[in-house]
Amino acid sequence: MASDKAPTWVDQWGGGEAENDKAVTGGNKRLGGGSGTKMEDAKAVASARIDRAKAAAVVGAQKVKSGTSAGIKWVKNQYQKKCSSNK
């Protein structure tokens, strides 16, 4: 039934710990085939999550920039229309 529903916020932003850990480590709890330590594993998972957060922030910033630009252009056009109709 989960296939016909939209993903939840937790699924999109990395709240599902077990699924995300498997995706990052390839199914194993330890990176490198068992030679790593818990701290190295935690750093690798955190690094992967930070990379995803950075990518999301970049996309968000681009959307804000384009939206702001469009809004400023709209305001300028409205002002020019008003000023030109008064002459």
N, C-alpha and C. Protein backbone atom coordinates (compact mmCIF):
# COMPACT_ATOMS: atom_id res chain seq x y z
N MET A 1 0.80 -1.19 0.00
CA MET A 1 0.00 0.00 0.00
C MET A 1 0.86 1.26 0.00
N ALA A 2 2.09 1.14 0.38
CA ALA A 2 2.96 2.31 0.43
C ALA A 2 3.27 2.83 -0.97
N SER A 3 3.13 1.99 -1.99
CA SER A 3 3.47 2.40 -3.35
C SER A 3 2.46 3.40 -3.91
N ASP A 4 1.20 3.38 -3.43
CA ASP A 4 0.22 4.32 -3.97
C ASP A 4 0.15 5.61 -3.16
N LYS A 5 0.92 5.70 -2.10
CA LYS A 5 0.95 6.92 -1.29
C LYS A 5 2.23 7.69 -1.59
N ALA A 6 2.17 8.99 -1.37
CA ALA A 6 3.36 9.83 -1.54
C ALA A 6 4.32 9.54 -0.38
N PRO A 7 5.62 9.68 -0.61
CA PRO A 7 6.58 9.44 0.47
C PRO A 7 6.40 10.47 1.58
N THR A 8 6.63 10.03 2.79
CA THR A 8 6.49 10.93 3.93
C THR A 8 7.73 11.79 4.06
N TRP A 9 7.63 12.80 4.92
CA TRP A 9 8.77 13.68 5.18
C TRP A 9 9.94 12.87 5.71
N VAL A 10 9.66 11.91 6.57
CA VAL A 10 10.72 11.10 7.16
C VAL A 10 11.44 10.29 6.09
N ASP A 11 10.69 9.73 5.15
CA ASP A 11 11.30 8.95 4.08
C ASP A 11 12.17 9.84 3.18
N GLN A 12 11.72 11.06 2.92
CA GLN A 12 12.45 11.95 2.03
C GLN A 12 13.70 12.51 2.65
N TRP A 13 13.69 12.77 3.94
CA TRP A 13 14.80 13.48 4.58
C TRP A 13 15.63 12.60 5.49
N GLY A 14 15.57 11.30 5.35
CA GLY A 14 16.51 10.43 6.03
C GLY A 14 16.14 10.05 7.44
N GLY A 15 14.87 9.97 7.77
CA GLY A 15 14.48 9.57 9.10
C GLY A 15 14.41 8.06 9.27
N GLY A 16 14.29 7.32 8.19
CA GLY A 16 14.23 5.86 8.27
C GLY A 16 15.63 5.31 8.43
N GLU A 17 16.08 5.14 9.66
CA GLU A 17 17.46 4.80 9.96
C GLU A 17 17.91 3.50 9.29
N ALA A 18 17.14 2.45 9.42
CA ALA A 18 17.58 1.15 8.92
C ALA A 18 17.71 1.15 7.39
N GLU A 19 16.75 1.74 6.71
CA GLU A 19 16.80 1.77 5.26
C GLU A 19 17.96 2.61 4.76
N ASN A 20 18.19 3.77 5.38
CA ASN A 20 19.27 4.65 4.94
C ASN A 20 20.63 4.04 5.22
N ASP A 21 20.79 3.38 6.35
CA ASP A 21 22.07 2.75 6.67
C ASP A 21 22.38 1.65 5.65
N LYS A 22 21.38 0.88 5.28
CA LYS A 22 21.60 -0.18 4.29
C LYS A 22 21.98 0.41 2.94
N ALA A 23 21.33 1.52 2.57
CA ALA A 23 21.62 2.14 1.29
C ALA A 23 23.04 2.69 1.25
N VAL A 24 23.49 3.28 2.35
CA VAL A 24 24.81 3.88 2.38
C VAL A 24 25.90 2.82 2.45
N THR A 25 25.69 1.77 3.24
CA THR A 25 26.73 0.78 3.46
C THR A 25 26.61 -0.43 2.54
N GLY A 26 25.60 -0.46 1.72
CA GLY A 26 25.43 -1.59 0.81
C GLY A 26 24.86 -2.82 1.50
N GLY A 27 24.10 -2.63 2.56
CA GLY A 27 23.47 -3.74 3.24
C GLY A 27 24.21 -4.18 4.48
N ASN A 28 25.49 -3.92 4.59
CA ASN A 28 26.25 -4.27 5.78
C ASN A 28 26.18 -3.14 6.79
N LYS A 29 26.35 -3.50 8.05
CA LYS A 29 26.39 -2.48 9.08
C LYS A 29 27.76 -1.81 9.13
N ARG A 30 28.76 -2.45 8.59
CA ARG A 30 30.10 -1.89 8.62
C ARG A 30 30.59 -1.66 7.19
N LEU A 31 31.25 -0.55 7.01
CA LEU A 31 31.83 -0.28 5.70
C LEU A 31 33.15 -1.00 5.59
N GLY A 32 33.55 -1.33 4.40
CA GLY A 32 34.84 -1.97 4.19
C GLY A 32 34.84 -3.44 4.54
N GLY A 33 33.72 -4.10 4.60
CA GLY A 33 33.67 -5.53 4.83
C GLY A 33 33.99 -5.96 6.24
N GLY A 34 33.74 -5.13 7.23
CA GLY A 34 33.92 -5.52 8.62
C GLY A 34 35.23 -5.06 9.23
N SER A 35 36.08 -4.38 8.49
CA SER A 35 37.34 -3.93 9.06
C SER A 35 37.22 -2.55 9.69
N GLY A 36 36.09 -1.86 9.49
CA GLY A 36 35.92 -0.52 10.03
C GLY A 36 35.43 -0.54 11.46
N THR A 37 35.48 0.61 12.08
CA THR A 37 34.98 0.74 13.44
C THR A 37 33.63 1.42 13.41
N LYS A 38 32.98 1.45 14.55
CA LYS A 38 31.67 2.09 14.62
C LYS A 38 31.77 3.58 14.32
N MET A 39 32.83 4.21 14.78
CA MET A 39 33.00 5.63 14.54
C MET A 39 33.18 5.91 13.05
N GLU A 40 33.93 5.10 12.35
CA GLU A 40 34.11 5.28 10.91
C GLU A 40 32.78 5.10 10.18
N ASP A 41 32.01 4.12 10.62
CA ASP A 41 30.70 3.89 10.01
C ASP A 41 29.79 5.09 10.22
N ALA A 42 29.79 5.61 11.44
CA ALA A 42 28.95 6.76 11.75
C ALA A 42 29.37 7.98 10.93
N LYS A 43 30.67 8.17 10.77
CA LYS A 43 31.16 9.30 9.98
C LYS A 43 30.76 9.16 8.52
N ALA A 44 30.82 7.95 7.99
CA ALA A 44 30.45 7.72 6.60
C ALA A 44 28.96 7.99 6.38
N VAL A 45 28.13 7.53 7.29
CA VAL A 45 26.69 7.75 7.17
C VAL A 45 26.39 9.24 7.31
N ALA A 46 27.03 9.90 8.27
CA ALA A 46 26.80 11.33 8.47
C ALA A 46 27.26 12.11 7.25
N SER A 47 28.36 11.73 6.67
CA SER A 47 28.87 12.41 5.48
C SER A 47 27.90 12.28 4.32
N ALA A 48 27.34 11.10 4.13
CA ALA A 48 26.37 10.90 3.06
C ALA A 48 25.13 11.75 3.29
N ARG A 49 24.69 11.84 4.52
CA ARG A 49 23.50 12.64 4.82
C ARG A 49 23.78 14.12 4.65
N ILE A 50 24.97 14.55 5.02
CA ILE A 50 25.33 15.96 4.84
C ILE A 50 25.37 16.31 3.36
N ASP A 51 25.89 15.40 2.55
CA ASP A 51 25.93 15.64 1.11
C ASP A 51 24.51 15.79 0.55
N ARG A 52 23.59 14.97 1.01
CA ARG A 52 22.20 15.08 0.55
C ARG A 52 21.59 16.40 1.01
N ALA A 53 21.90 16.81 2.25
CA ALA A 53 21.37 18.07 2.76
C ALA A 53 21.92 19.25 1.98
N LYS A 54 23.20 19.19 1.63
CA LYS A 54 23.81 20.27 0.84
C LYS A 54 23.15 20.36 -0.52
N ALA A 55 22.91 19.23 -1.15
CA ALA A 55 22.27 19.22 -2.46
C ALA A 55 20.86 19.81 -2.38
N ALA A 56 20.14 19.46 -1.35
CA ALA A 56 18.79 20.00 -1.17
C ALA A 56 18.84 21.50 -0.92
N ALA A 57 19.83 21.96 -0.16
CA ALA A 57 19.96 23.38 0.11
C ALA A 57 20.28 24.17 -1.16
N VAL A 58 21.12 23.61 -2.01
CA VAL A 58 21.46 24.28 -3.26
C VAL A 58 20.23 24.42 -4.14
N VAL A 59 19.46 23.35 -4.26
CA VAL A 59 18.24 23.40 -5.07
C VAL A 59 17.26 24.41 -4.49
N GLY A 60 17.11 24.42 -3.19
CA GLY A 60 16.22 25.38 -2.54
C GLY A 60 16.66 26.81 -2.76
N ALA A 61 17.95 27.06 -2.66
CA ALA A 61 18.47 28.41 -2.88
C ALA A 61 18.23 28.86 -4.31
N GLN A 62 18.39 27.96 -5.26
CA GLN A 62 18.13 28.31 -6.67
C GLN A 62 16.66 28.66 -6.87
N LYS A 63 15.77 27.92 -6.23
CA LYS A 63 14.34 28.21 -6.36
C LYS A 63 14.01 29.56 -5.75
N VAL A 64 14.59 29.87 -4.60
CA VAL A 64 14.35 31.17 -3.97
C VAL A 64 14.87 32.29 -4.86
N LYS A 65 16.05 32.10 -5.40
CA LYS A 65 16.65 33.13 -6.27
C LYS A 65 15.78 33.39 -7.50
N SER A 66 15.34 32.33 -8.16
CA SER A 66 14.53 32.52 -9.36
C SER A 66 13.16 33.10 -9.02
N GLY A 67 12.58 32.69 -7.89
CA GLY A 67 11.29 33.24 -7.47
C GLY A 67 11.40 34.71 -7.12
N THR A 68 12.47 35.09 -6.45
CA THR A 68 12.68 36.48 -6.10
C THR A 68 12.87 37.33 -7.34
N SER A 69 13.66 36.82 -8.27
CA SER A 69 13.90 37.53 -9.52
C SER A 69 12.59 37.75 -10.27
N ALA A 70 11.76 36.72 -10.36
CA ALA A 70 10.48 36.84 -11.05
C ALA A 70 9.57 37.84 -10.33
N GLY A 71 9.59 37.82 -9.01
CA GLY A 71 8.76 38.75 -8.25
C GLY A 71 9.19 40.19 -8.44
N ILE A 72 10.49 40.44 -8.47
CA ILE A 72 10.98 41.80 -8.68
C ILE A 72 10.63 42.29 -10.07
N LYS A 73 10.77 41.42 -11.07
CA LYS A 73 10.40 41.80 -12.43
C LYS A 73 8.92 42.13 -12.52
N TRP A 74 8.08 41.36 -11.83
CA TRP A 74 6.64 41.61 -11.85
C TRP A 74 6.33 42.96 -11.24
N VAL A 75 6.97 43.29 -10.11
CA VAL A 75 6.73 44.58 -9.44
C VAL A 75 7.18 45.73 -10.35
N LYS A 76 8.35 45.58 -10.99
CA LYS A 76 8.83 46.62 -11.89
C LYS A 76 7.87 46.83 -13.05
N ASN A 77 7.36 45.74 -13.61
CA ASN A 77 6.40 45.85 -14.72
C ASN A 77 5.12 46.55 -14.27
N GLN A 78 4.62 46.22 -13.10
CA GLN A 78 3.41 46.84 -12.59
C GLN A 78 3.62 48.34 -12.37
N TYR A 79 4.78 48.70 -11.86
CA TYR A 79 5.10 50.11 -11.62
C TYR A 79 5.20 50.87 -12.95
N GLN A 80 5.85 50.26 -13.94
CA GLN A 80 5.98 50.91 -15.25
C GLN A 80 4.62 51.08 -15.92
N LYS A 81 3.75 50.09 -15.78
CA LYS A 81 2.41 50.21 -16.34
C LYS A 81 1.65 51.35 -15.71
N LYS A 82 1.79 51.46 -14.38
CA LYS A 82 1.06 52.50 -13.66
C LYS A 82 1.60 53.89 -14.04
N CYS A 83 2.92 54.00 -14.11
CA CYS A 83 3.52 55.30 -14.44
C CYS A 83 3.21 55.72 -15.88
N SER A 84 3.21 54.78 -16.81
CA SER A 84 2.96 55.12 -18.21
C SER A 84 1.48 55.46 -18.46
N SER A 85 0.57 54.92 -17.65
CA SER A 85 -0.86 55.23 -17.84
C SER A 85 -1.22 56.59 -17.26
N ASN A 86 -0.41 57.14 -16.38
CA ASN A 86 -0.68 58.43 -15.75
C ASN A 86 -0.27 59.58 -16.66
N LYS A 87 0.51 59.36 -17.68
CA LYS A 87 1.02 60.45 -18.55
C LYS A 87 0.02 60.84 -19.57
